[in-house]
Protein backbone atom coordinates (compact mmCIF):
# COMPACT_ATOMS: atom_id res chain seq x y z
CA UNK A 1 175.63 110.33 -83.88
CA UNK A 2 173.64 107.41 -85.23
CA UNK A 3 171.04 105.92 -82.92
CA UNK A 4 172.62 102.47 -83.12
CA UNK A 5 175.84 103.82 -81.65
CA UNK A 6 174.02 105.57 -78.83
CA UNK A 7 172.22 102.38 -77.88
CA UNK A 8 175.21 100.09 -78.25
CA UNK A 9 176.31 99.96 -74.61
CA UNK A 10 174.83 100.33 -71.15
CA UNK A 11 176.21 103.86 -71.04
CA UNK A 12 174.65 104.65 -74.37
CA UNK A 13 171.33 103.24 -73.27
CA UNK A 14 171.41 105.44 -70.19
CA UNK A 15 172.31 108.46 -72.30
CA UNK A 16 169.06 107.98 -74.15
CA UNK A 17 167.22 108.87 -71.00
CA UNK A 18 168.46 112.43 -71.47
CA UNK A 19 167.85 112.60 -75.19
CA UNK A 20 164.21 111.58 -75.05
CA UNK A 21 161.17 112.49 -73.15
CA UNK A 22 160.91 112.50 -69.83
CA UNK A 23 150.31 111.20 -66.76
CA UNK A 24 146.25 111.44 -64.06
CA UNK A 25 144.02 113.31 -61.73
CA UNK A 26 141.81 116.09 -63.01
CA UNK A 27 142.27 118.26 -59.92
CA UNK A 28 142.09 122.01 -60.58
CA UNK A 29 145.37 123.89 -60.22
CA UNK A 30 144.90 126.95 -58.01
CA UNK A 31 147.73 129.09 -59.37
CA UNK A 32 150.02 129.41 -62.37
CA UNK A 33 153.14 131.56 -62.31
CA UNK A 34 155.74 132.35 -64.94
CA UNK A 35 159.20 133.74 -64.44
CA UNK A 36 161.24 135.38 -67.22
CA UNK A 37 159.42 133.03 -69.61
CA UNK A 38 162.15 130.43 -69.12
CA UNK A 39 159.89 128.32 -66.92
CA UNK A 40 156.24 127.94 -66.01
CA UNK A 41 155.23 126.78 -62.55
CA UNK A 42 151.98 125.34 -61.23
CA UNK A 43 151.35 125.23 -57.49
CA UNK A 44 149.28 122.79 -55.46
CA UNK A 45 148.60 122.35 -51.77
CA UNK A 46 149.91 124.16 -48.72
CA UNK A 47 152.71 123.60 -46.27
CA UNK A 48 156.50 123.27 -46.58
CA UNK A 49 157.67 123.95 -50.11
CA UNK A 50 158.81 121.27 -52.55
CA UNK A 51 159.91 122.06 -56.11
CA UNK A 52 159.62 119.27 -58.68
CA UNK A 53 161.63 119.54 -61.92
CA UNK A 54 161.03 117.04 -64.75
CA UNK A 55 163.57 115.89 -67.30
CA UNK A 56 164.32 116.66 -70.90
CA UNK A 57 161.23 117.20 -73.07
CA UNK A 58 159.13 116.12 -70.11
CA UNK A 59 155.80 117.43 -68.93
CA UNK A 60 155.25 118.35 -65.31
CA UNK A 61 152.59 115.63 -65.40
CA UNK A 62 155.31 113.05 -64.89
CA UNK A 63 154.96 114.04 -61.20
CA UNK A 64 151.14 113.69 -61.09
CA UNK A 65 150.95 110.75 -58.68
CA UNK A 66 153.67 112.09 -56.39
CA UNK A 67 152.12 115.56 -56.33
CA UNK A 68 148.72 114.09 -55.41
CA UNK A 69 150.32 112.69 -52.28
CA UNK A 70 152.59 115.60 -51.43
CA UNK A 71 149.96 118.34 -51.74
CA UNK A 72 148.15 116.93 -48.70
CA UNK A 73 151.00 118.16 -46.52
CA UNK A 74 153.20 120.39 -48.71
CA UNK A 75 153.01 123.23 -51.17
CA UNK A 76 154.18 121.67 -54.42
CA UNK A 77 155.72 123.73 -57.23
CA UNK A 78 155.60 121.85 -60.54
CA UNK A 79 158.13 123.30 -62.98
CA UNK A 80 158.11 122.96 -66.76
CA UNK A 81 160.83 124.44 -68.97
CA UNK A 82 160.07 126.64 -71.94
CA UNK A 83 160.07 124.55 -75.10
CA UNK A 84 159.26 121.31 -73.28
CA UNK A 85 155.83 119.63 -73.53
CA UNK A 86 153.06 122.26 -73.29
CA UNK A 87 155.20 125.28 -72.32
CA UNK A 88 155.89 127.55 -75.34
CA UNK A 89 159.44 127.72 -76.65
CA UNK A 90 161.52 130.87 -76.63
CA UNK A 91 163.78 132.20 -79.33
CA UNK A 92 167.13 130.95 -78.11
CA UNK A 93 169.94 132.11 -80.42
CA UNK A 94 172.73 131.37 -77.93
CA UNK A 95 171.52 127.79 -77.49
CA UNK A 96 171.45 127.95 -73.69
CA UNK A 97 168.58 126.13 -72.00
CA UNK A 98 169.73 124.64 -68.69
CA UNK A 99 171.71 127.50 -67.13
CA UNK A 100 168.97 130.09 -67.81
CA UNK A 101 166.39 127.74 -66.31
CA UNK A 102 168.54 127.46 -63.18
CA UNK A 103 168.58 131.25 -62.84
CA UNK A 104 164.83 131.43 -63.49
CA UNK A 105 164.07 128.92 -60.74
CA UNK A 106 166.40 130.72 -58.34
CA UNK A 107 164.61 134.00 -59.17
CA UNK A 108 161.25 132.29 -58.68
CA UNK A 109 162.29 131.10 -55.21
CA UNK A 110 163.32 134.64 -54.29
CA UNK A 111 160.36 136.47 -55.84
CA UNK A 112 157.83 134.09 -54.30
CA UNK A 113 159.58 134.39 -50.89
CA UNK A 114 160.01 130.63 -50.63
CA UNK A 115 162.20 129.80 -47.66
CA UNK A 116 164.76 127.12 -48.54
CA UNK A 117 162.57 124.60 -50.36
CA UNK A 118 163.37 120.98 -50.97
CA UNK A 119 164.06 120.34 -54.66
CA UNK A 120 163.51 117.06 -56.50
CA UNK A 121 164.78 116.78 -60.06
CA UNK A 122 164.63 113.91 -62.53
CA UNK A 123 167.26 113.39 -65.26
CA UNK A 124 167.96 116.82 -66.79
CA UNK A 125 165.88 118.19 -63.92
CA UNK A 126 168.38 116.56 -61.58
CA UNK A 127 171.18 118.44 -63.32
CA UNK A 128 169.23 121.66 -62.79
CA UNK A 129 168.74 120.82 -59.11
CA UNK A 130 172.47 120.25 -58.70
CA UNK A 131 173.24 123.58 -60.36
CA UNK A 132 170.80 125.42 -58.10
CA UNK A 133 172.36 123.78 -55.06
CA UNK A 134 175.90 124.66 -56.17
CA UNK A 135 175.26 128.18 -57.49
CA UNK A 136 172.55 129.28 -55.07
CA UNK A 137 173.46 127.20 -52.01
CA UNK A 138 171.49 129.27 -49.50
CA UNK A 139 168.23 128.91 -51.40
CA UNK A 140 167.63 125.19 -50.85
CA UNK A 141 167.24 122.95 -47.82
CA UNK A 142 167.78 119.55 -49.44
CA UNK A 143 168.12 117.98 -52.86
CA UNK A 144 166.88 114.72 -54.34
CA UNK A 145 168.53 113.85 -57.64
CA UNK A 146 166.64 111.15 -59.54
CA UNK A 147 168.58 109.01 -62.04
CA UNK A 148 170.98 111.78 -62.96
CA UNK A 149 174.74 112.27 -62.97
CA UNK A 150 176.75 115.49 -62.59
CA UNK A 151 178.40 114.81 -65.97
CA UNK A 152 176.33 112.72 -68.36
CA UNK A 153 179.04 112.09 -70.93
CA UNK A 154 180.81 109.82 -68.42
CA UNK A 155 178.23 107.24 -69.46
CA UNK A 156 179.75 106.92 -72.89
CA UNK A 157 183.33 107.83 -71.98
CA UNK A 158 184.51 107.40 -68.36
CA UNK A 159 187.55 109.55 -69.17
CA UNK A 160 185.53 112.36 -70.75
CA UNK A 161 186.30 116.03 -70.26
CA UNK A 162 184.19 118.99 -71.29
CA UNK A 163 186.49 119.39 -74.28
CA UNK A 164 186.25 115.79 -75.49
CA UNK A 165 182.53 115.74 -74.74
CA UNK A 166 181.93 118.51 -77.26
CA UNK A 167 182.45 116.11 -80.16
CA UNK A 168 179.82 113.69 -78.89
CA UNK A 169 177.50 116.55 -77.99
CA UNK A 170 177.74 118.20 -81.40
CA UNK A 171 177.12 114.90 -83.20
CA UNK A 172 174.10 114.12 -81.02
CA UNK A 173 172.59 117.59 -81.46
CA UNK A 174 173.05 117.44 -85.22
CA UNK A 175 171.59 113.93 -85.36
CA UNK A 176 168.47 115.03 -83.47
CA UNK A 177 167.97 118.08 -85.65
CA UNK A 178 168.53 116.09 -88.81
CA UNK A 179 165.76 113.56 -88.22
CA UNK A 180 162.56 113.82 -90.20
CA UNK A 181 159.34 114.16 -88.17
CA UNK A 182 158.61 110.50 -88.87
CA UNK A 183 162.07 109.41 -87.79
CA UNK A 184 161.90 111.50 -84.64
CA UNK A 185 158.52 110.06 -83.69
CA UNK A 186 159.70 106.51 -84.25
CA UNK A 187 162.89 107.18 -82.30
CA UNK A 188 160.91 108.36 -79.31
CA UNK A 189 158.56 105.40 -79.39
CA UNK A 190 161.27 102.78 -79.65
CA UNK A 191 163.59 104.43 -77.15
CA UNK A 192 160.89 104.68 -74.52
CA UNK A 193 160.88 100.91 -74.33
CA UNK A 194 164.29 101.30 -72.66
CA UNK A 195 163.27 104.27 -70.53
CA UNK A 196 160.07 103.10 -68.84
CA UNK A 197 159.03 99.51 -68.15
CA UNK A 198 155.39 100.40 -67.50
CA UNK A 199 153.89 100.27 -70.95
CA UNK A 200 150.75 102.21 -70.03
CA UNK A 201 152.89 105.25 -69.19
CA UNK A 202 154.65 105.45 -72.55
CA UNK A 203 152.01 107.22 -74.70
CA UNK A 204 151.91 110.31 -72.47
CA UNK A 205 155.71 110.50 -72.54
CA UNK A 206 155.75 110.26 -76.33
CA UNK A 207 153.16 113.04 -76.54
CA UNK A 208 155.22 115.31 -74.27
CA UNK A 209 158.28 114.71 -76.39
CA UNK A 210 156.53 115.32 -79.69
CA UNK A 211 154.98 118.52 -78.32
CA UNK A 212 158.43 119.79 -77.34
CA UNK A 213 160.37 122.19 -79.54
CA UNK A 214 163.02 120.22 -81.42
CA UNK A 215 165.70 122.92 -81.33
CA UNK A 216 165.20 123.47 -77.60
CA UNK A 217 165.55 119.75 -76.97
CA UNK A 218 168.67 119.47 -79.15
CA UNK A 219 170.27 122.53 -77.54
CA UNK A 220 169.51 121.16 -74.06
CA UNK A 221 171.10 117.82 -74.94
CA UNK A 222 174.24 119.58 -76.15
CA UNK A 223 174.45 121.72 -73.02
CA UNK A 224 173.82 118.71 -70.79
CA UNK A 225 176.56 116.68 -72.43
CA UNK A 226 179.27 119.35 -72.11
CA UNK A 227 178.41 120.42 -68.55
CA UNK A 228 180.59 118.84 -65.86
CA UNK A 229 179.30 119.73 -62.42
CA UNK A 230 181.71 117.53 -60.47
CA UNK A 231 183.98 120.47 -59.58
CA UNK A 232 180.93 122.33 -58.21
CA UNK A 233 179.54 119.58 -55.97
CA UNK A 234 181.62 120.70 -52.98
CA UNK A 235 179.77 124.04 -53.01
CA UNK A 236 176.46 122.36 -52.25
CA UNK A 237 175.53 122.86 -48.59
CA UNK A 238 172.24 120.97 -48.67
CA UNK A 239 172.15 117.23 -48.01
CA UNK A 240 171.64 115.21 -51.19
CA UNK A 241 169.75 112.01 -51.83
CA UNK A 242 170.73 110.29 -55.09
CA UNK A 243 167.98 107.92 -56.25
CA UNK A 244 168.76 105.77 -59.25
CA UNK A 245 167.27 102.86 -61.14
CA UNK A 246 168.53 99.38 -61.79
CA UNK A 247 167.16 96.45 -63.73
CA UNK A 248 168.75 93.20 -64.81
CA UNK A 249 167.88 94.13 -68.39
CA UNK A 250 170.59 96.80 -68.22
CA UNK A 251 172.97 93.91 -68.86
CA UNK A 252 175.56 94.92 -66.26
CA UNK A 253 175.92 94.01 -62.58
CA UNK A 254 174.14 96.21 -60.07
CA UNK A 255 177.50 96.77 -58.39
CA UNK A 256 178.79 98.45 -61.56
CA UNK A 257 175.91 100.92 -61.52
CA UNK A 258 176.43 101.53 -57.80
CA UNK A 259 180.10 102.26 -58.41
CA UNK A 260 179.37 104.64 -61.30
CA UNK A 261 177.10 106.81 -59.15
CA UNK A 262 179.37 106.83 -56.13
CA UNK A 263 182.40 107.74 -58.18
CA UNK A 264 180.56 110.52 -60.00
CA UNK A 265 179.46 112.11 -56.71
CA UNK A 266 182.71 111.47 -54.84
CA UNK A 267 183.38 115.18 -54.25
CA UNK A 268 180.00 115.83 -52.61
CA UNK A 269 180.18 116.35 -48.86
CA UNK A 270 176.72 115.20 -47.72
CA UNK A 271 175.30 112.58 -50.03
CA UNK A 272 173.27 109.37 -49.63
CA UNK A 273 172.48 106.82 -52.33
CA UNK A 274 169.30 104.80 -52.87
CA UNK A 275 168.98 102.26 -55.66
CA UNK A 276 165.48 101.27 -56.77
CA UNK A 277 165.44 97.94 -58.55
CA UNK A 278 163.08 96.62 -61.23
CA UNK A 279 162.88 100.06 -62.76
CA UNK A 280 164.08 101.85 -65.84
CA UNK A 281 164.88 105.55 -66.02
CA UNK A 282 161.42 106.84 -65.04
CA UNK A 283 161.60 105.52 -61.51
CA UNK A 284 158.56 107.48 -60.37
CA UNK A 285 156.45 105.71 -63.00
CA UNK A 286 157.90 102.21 -62.80
CA UNK A 287 158.05 102.00 -59.00
CA UNK A 288 155.65 104.73 -57.78
CA UNK A 289 155.03 103.32 -54.28
CA UNK A 290 158.68 102.74 -53.51
CA UNK A 291 159.61 106.12 -54.96
CA UNK A 292 156.90 107.88 -52.93
CA UNK A 293 158.20 106.19 -49.78
CA UNK A 294 161.70 107.43 -50.50
CA UNK A 295 160.43 110.97 -51.09
CA UNK A 296 158.47 110.90 -47.83
CA UNK A 297 161.54 109.75 -45.92
CA UNK A 298 163.66 112.36 -47.69
CA UNK A 299 161.29 115.21 -46.75
CA UNK A 300 160.95 114.07 -43.14
CA UNK A 301 164.67 113.87 -42.39
């Protein structure tokens, strides 16, 4: 799928947030855990448990500012997926990235004897959070989904099904894998202009993306695009907070974005929506104070 086609519409521009990259205090990290090599987890602080999951090709450092606040009153678990940023890639012949990460996080919760943590996931990490909530409903207390939909291909085709999505997904995966290193680097740099408004935050995001394993990223994009979680939303027992970005530069009315999110989550039983304006996809970087306030309210409910 050529980049120009992906960026042609509002939906295409939003899709880029999943194709790209998802930094900072020099506090020592007291513990590092790994689980089935699908994920690595760093822990900070003490108190009620909160799991933070970054997006595609993102470093856990995208949560640095939020974690600095949360660790004063919570035990924070900062996840990073194998093949993303600084976490080594795995040989992955079946091409599965997201579903195995879901199982690894569920195992981590059980092995570490974490009692029903809150989970916050951004972008692809939001998809993972939804899958944990639907497939392991007794393991979570509440979910915050940040700028993520239960079926991403709706952004480019509102009538999409998993079958029709496969064509888009295959083309996108092949396009990513077919780029030269120079093309891939330039793609990340230019696309980040649409993903984060705060220019100072872009270099760290580019670095995380370039340090990610290309095949892992491409496989994750494919899996993300063909996965429709809407039929599974009713299985989620935990209350959900859907936080999403809006900016006038999107080129569509805010009401259209509101409607897209509400329609996508229509089958969820306990869901609340919060729109954060003057922000692109990386809400936690573009509007850190407002985002932190929403997280605090979410955790205190």
